[in-house]
Amino acid sequence: TGITNMKALPYTNPTSWLYQAAIHGTTLPDGLPSWNTCHQSGAAFFFLAWHRMYCYFFERILRAKSGDPNLTLPYWDYQTNATLHPDYRNSAATNPLYDASRSVSINGGGSLPASISTSLDNALLELPYYDFQGDINGPHGSVHISVGGNMTSVSSAAKDPVFWLHHCNIDRLWEVWLDKCEG
């Protein structure tokens, strides 16, 4: 419901689906405030923090548009299940979670490569933070490429609802890493 309501708004509305996607990246000519700001900090050091903030505010908008004050963004734990949830693969015209631009394999129930999970396991062993963030970026990018379609480009990735599942999982993995550091 929240995504459907966001998609019904004009792209110039800051709470619309396309405006929110354009914050990550876009080729739209308007150049509205906040657009194309992913990685513009000039340092890869802010990758995890920038995306955490992005997901946080997106979740607040989605919660308001859905009318559900308890709504939270889910994550795709592809280390446990490398197959995209069926709700995101249902190609019904009324399904706002489906993106036809994804790879035929992923939309057809295929799995992400096992190498992604192995790379994530290795990244979780890294200290200090800069090494962890650098090592998680490889499998992060591999998920984008494996999903295909809109997810393969910074300028269109956030148009695919899988983007939010993916980045919520990256944020969850950061928390897993932080918990290991405290222990």
Protein backbone atom coordinates (compact mmCIF):
# COMPACT_ATOMS: atom_id res chain seq x y z
CA THR A 1 0.00 0.00 0.00
CA GLY A 2 2.77 2.41 0.93
CA ILE A 3 4.71 1.81 -2.29
CA THR A 4 1.54 2.07 -4.37
CA ASN A 5 0.71 5.39 -2.71
CA MET A 6 4.26 6.68 -3.21
CA LYS A 7 4.23 5.65 -6.88
CA ALA A 8 0.96 7.57 -7.41
CA LEU A 9 2.64 10.88 -6.51
CA PRO A 10 4.43 13.10 -9.04
CA TYR A 11 8.20 12.58 -9.06
CA THR A 12 8.70 16.16 -7.86
CA ASN A 13 6.99 15.35 -4.54
CA PRO A 14 9.75 14.60 -1.97
CA THR A 15 7.70 11.68 -0.58
CA SER A 16 7.13 10.04 -3.98
CA TRP A 17 8.75 6.76 -5.04
CA LEU A 18 10.72 8.35 -7.88
CA TYR A 19 11.91 11.31 -5.81
CA GLN A 20 13.18 8.94 -3.13
CA ALA A 21 14.89 6.76 -5.75
CA ALA A 22 16.45 9.88 -7.29
CA ILE A 23 18.15 10.67 -4.00
CA HIS A 24 20.35 7.64 -4.65
CA GLY A 25 20.74 8.50 -8.30
CA THR A 26 18.82 9.57 -11.37
CA THR A 27 19.13 10.76 -14.93
CA LEU A 28 16.08 13.01 -14.59
CA PRO A 29 17.04 16.55 -15.65
CA ASP A 30 15.44 18.53 -12.82
CA GLY A 31 18.31 18.28 -10.36
CA LEU A 32 16.02 18.66 -7.36
CA PRO A 33 17.40 18.94 -3.80
CA SER A 34 19.08 15.77 -2.50
CA TRP A 35 19.12 14.02 -5.87
CA ASN A 36 22.20 12.07 -6.92
CA THR A 37 23.75 12.24 -3.48
CA CYS A 38 24.86 8.62 -3.02
CA HIS A 39 28.66 8.61 -2.67
CA GLN A 40 28.89 12.36 -3.27
CA SER A 41 30.53 12.78 0.09
CA GLY A 42 33.81 12.27 -1.77
CA ALA A 43 34.84 9.43 0.51
CA ALA A 44 33.81 5.79 0.46
CA PHE A 45 34.18 5.93 4.24
CA PHE A 46 30.55 7.10 4.55
CA PHE A 47 28.98 4.33 2.44
CA LEU A 48 27.38 2.42 5.34
CA ALA A 49 26.30 5.50 7.30
CA TRP A 50 24.84 7.24 4.22
CA HIS A 51 22.73 4.20 3.30
CA ARG A 52 21.62 3.72 6.92
CA MET A 53 20.30 7.28 6.95
CA TYR A 54 18.70 6.79 3.52
CA CYS A 55 16.85 3.63 4.62
CA TYR A 56 15.78 5.25 7.89
CA PHE A 57 14.06 8.21 6.24
CA PHE A 58 12.62 6.07 3.44
CA GLU A 59 11.09 3.77 6.05
CA ARG A 60 9.45 6.74 7.79
CA ILE A 61 7.92 7.90 4.50
CA LEU A 62 6.76 4.39 3.60
CA ARG A 63 5.24 3.98 7.07
CA ALA A 64 3.27 7.22 6.67
CA LYS A 65 2.11 6.38 3.14
CA SER A 66 1.02 2.89 4.18
CA GLY A 67 -1.00 4.15 7.15
CA ASP A 68 0.70 1.49 9.29
CA PRO A 69 2.60 3.11 12.18
CA ASN A 70 4.36 -0.22 12.89
CA LEU A 71 5.62 -0.90 9.37
CA THR A 72 9.33 -1.64 9.13
CA LEU A 73 11.45 -2.33 6.09
CA PRO A 74 12.31 -6.01 5.68
CA TYR A 75 15.75 -7.27 4.74
CA TRP A 76 16.84 -10.03 2.38
CA ASP A 77 19.17 -12.35 4.29
CA TYR A 78 20.68 -13.92 1.18
CA GLN A 79 23.17 -15.84 3.32
CA THR A 80 20.23 -17.86 4.68
CA ASN A 81 18.06 -17.83 1.54
CA ALA A 82 19.70 -16.73 -1.71
CA THR A 83 16.36 -16.79 -3.55
CA LEU A 84 14.32 -13.60 -3.72
CA HIS A 85 11.06 -13.76 -1.77
CA PRO A 86 8.10 -14.78 -4.01
CA ASP A 87 6.22 -11.55 -3.26
CA TYR A 88 8.92 -9.67 -5.20
CA ARG A 89 8.75 -12.14 -8.12
CA ASN A 90 4.97 -12.07 -8.63
CA SER A 91 4.52 -10.31 -11.98
CA ALA A 92 0.86 -9.36 -11.46
CA ALA A 93 0.26 -5.84 -12.81
CA THR A 94 -1.00 -4.77 -9.37
CA ASN A 95 2.16 -5.89 -7.53
CA PRO A 96 4.28 -2.81 -6.67
CA LEU A 97 7.16 -5.05 -5.52
CA TYR A 98 7.81 -6.55 -8.96
CA ASP A 99 10.41 -5.06 -11.29
CA ALA A 100 10.47 -6.59 -14.78
CA SER A 101 13.96 -5.21 -15.42
CA ARG A 102 15.52 -7.77 -13.03
CA SER A 103 17.36 -10.75 -14.41
CA VAL A 104 15.06 -13.49 -15.67
CA SER A 105 16.84 -15.91 -13.35
CA ILE A 106 16.23 -13.88 -10.17
CA ASN A 107 12.60 -13.13 -11.09
CA GLY A 108 12.19 -16.81 -11.96
CA GLY A 109 13.29 -18.03 -8.52
CA GLY A 110 17.00 -18.48 -9.19
CA SER A 111 19.53 -17.97 -6.42
CA LEU A 112 22.29 -15.44 -5.98
CA PRO A 113 25.79 -16.93 -6.43
CA ALA A 114 27.15 -18.74 -3.34
CA SER A 115 30.33 -16.66 -3.64
CA ILE A 116 28.40 -13.64 -2.31
CA SER A 117 27.71 -15.39 0.99
CA THR A 118 31.34 -16.51 1.28
CA SER A 119 32.57 -12.96 0.65
CA LEU A 120 30.19 -11.60 3.29
CA ASP A 121 31.42 -14.17 5.83
CA ASN A 122 34.99 -13.05 5.13
CA ALA A 123 34.09 -9.36 5.40
CA LEU A 124 32.57 -9.93 8.84
CA LEU A 125 36.00 -11.06 10.06
CA GLU A 126 37.70 -7.79 9.09
CA LEU A 127 39.06 -5.18 11.47
CA PRO A 128 39.33 -2.17 11.43
CA TYR A 129 36.14 -0.57 10.17
CA TYR A 130 37.66 0.73 6.96
CA ASP A 131 38.69 -2.81 5.97
CA PHE A 132 35.25 -4.19 6.84
CA GLN A 133 33.48 -1.52 4.82
CA GLY A 134 35.80 -2.06 1.86
CA ASP A 135 35.35 -5.83 1.97
CA ILE A 136 31.55 -5.69 2.27
CA ASN A 137 31.36 -3.40 -0.75
CA GLY A 138 32.41 -6.23 -3.10
CA PRO A 139 29.54 -8.62 -2.28
CA HIS A 140 27.23 -5.59 -1.98
CA GLY A 141 27.97 -4.76 -5.60
CA SER A 142 27.69 -8.41 -6.62
CA VAL A 143 24.10 -8.50 -5.33
CA HIS A 144 23.28 -5.41 -7.40
CA ILE A 145 24.77 -7.00 -10.54
CA SER A 146 23.22 -10.44 -9.91
CA VAL A 147 19.73 -8.99 -9.43
CA GLY A 148 20.22 -7.13 -12.71
CA GLY A 149 18.09 -4.51 -14.40
CA ASN A 150 17.58 -1.28 -12.49
CA MET A 151 19.78 -2.57 -9.66
CA THR A 152 22.91 -2.49 -11.86
CA SER A 153 23.18 1.30 -12.02
CA VAL A 154 23.49 3.93 -9.28
CA SER A 155 21.11 6.10 -11.29
CA SER A 156 18.28 3.54 -11.22
CA ALA A 157 18.99 1.04 -8.40
CA ALA A 158 16.55 2.48 -5.86
CA LYS A 159 13.66 2.20 -8.35
CA ASP A 160 13.67 -1.55 -7.67
CA PRO A 161 12.03 -2.49 -4.35
CA VAL A 162 14.77 -5.11 -3.93
CA PHE A 163 17.19 -2.20 -3.38
CA TRP A 164 15.60 -1.60 0.02
CA LEU A 165 15.69 -5.29 0.99
CA HIS A 166 19.34 -5.39 -0.01
CA HIS A 167 20.42 -2.24 1.80
CA CYS A 168 18.51 -3.16 4.94
CA ASN A 169 20.49 -6.42 4.91
CA ILE A 170 23.78 -4.56 4.45
CA ASP A 171 22.78 -2.41 7.44
CA ARG A 172 21.95 -5.56 9.43
CA LEU A 173 25.38 -7.00 8.55
CA TRP A 174 27.00 -3.81 9.82
CA GLU A 175 25.22 -4.41 13.14
CA VAL A 176 26.46 -8.03 13.16
CA TRP A 177 29.99 -6.71 12.65
CA LEU A 178 29.57 -4.09 15.39
CA ASP A 179 28.36 -6.77 17.81
CA LYS A 180 31.48 -8.85 17.04
CA CYS A 181 33.67 -5.83 17.73
CA GLU A 182 32.10 -5.33 21.16
CA GLY A 183 32.71 -8.95 22.13
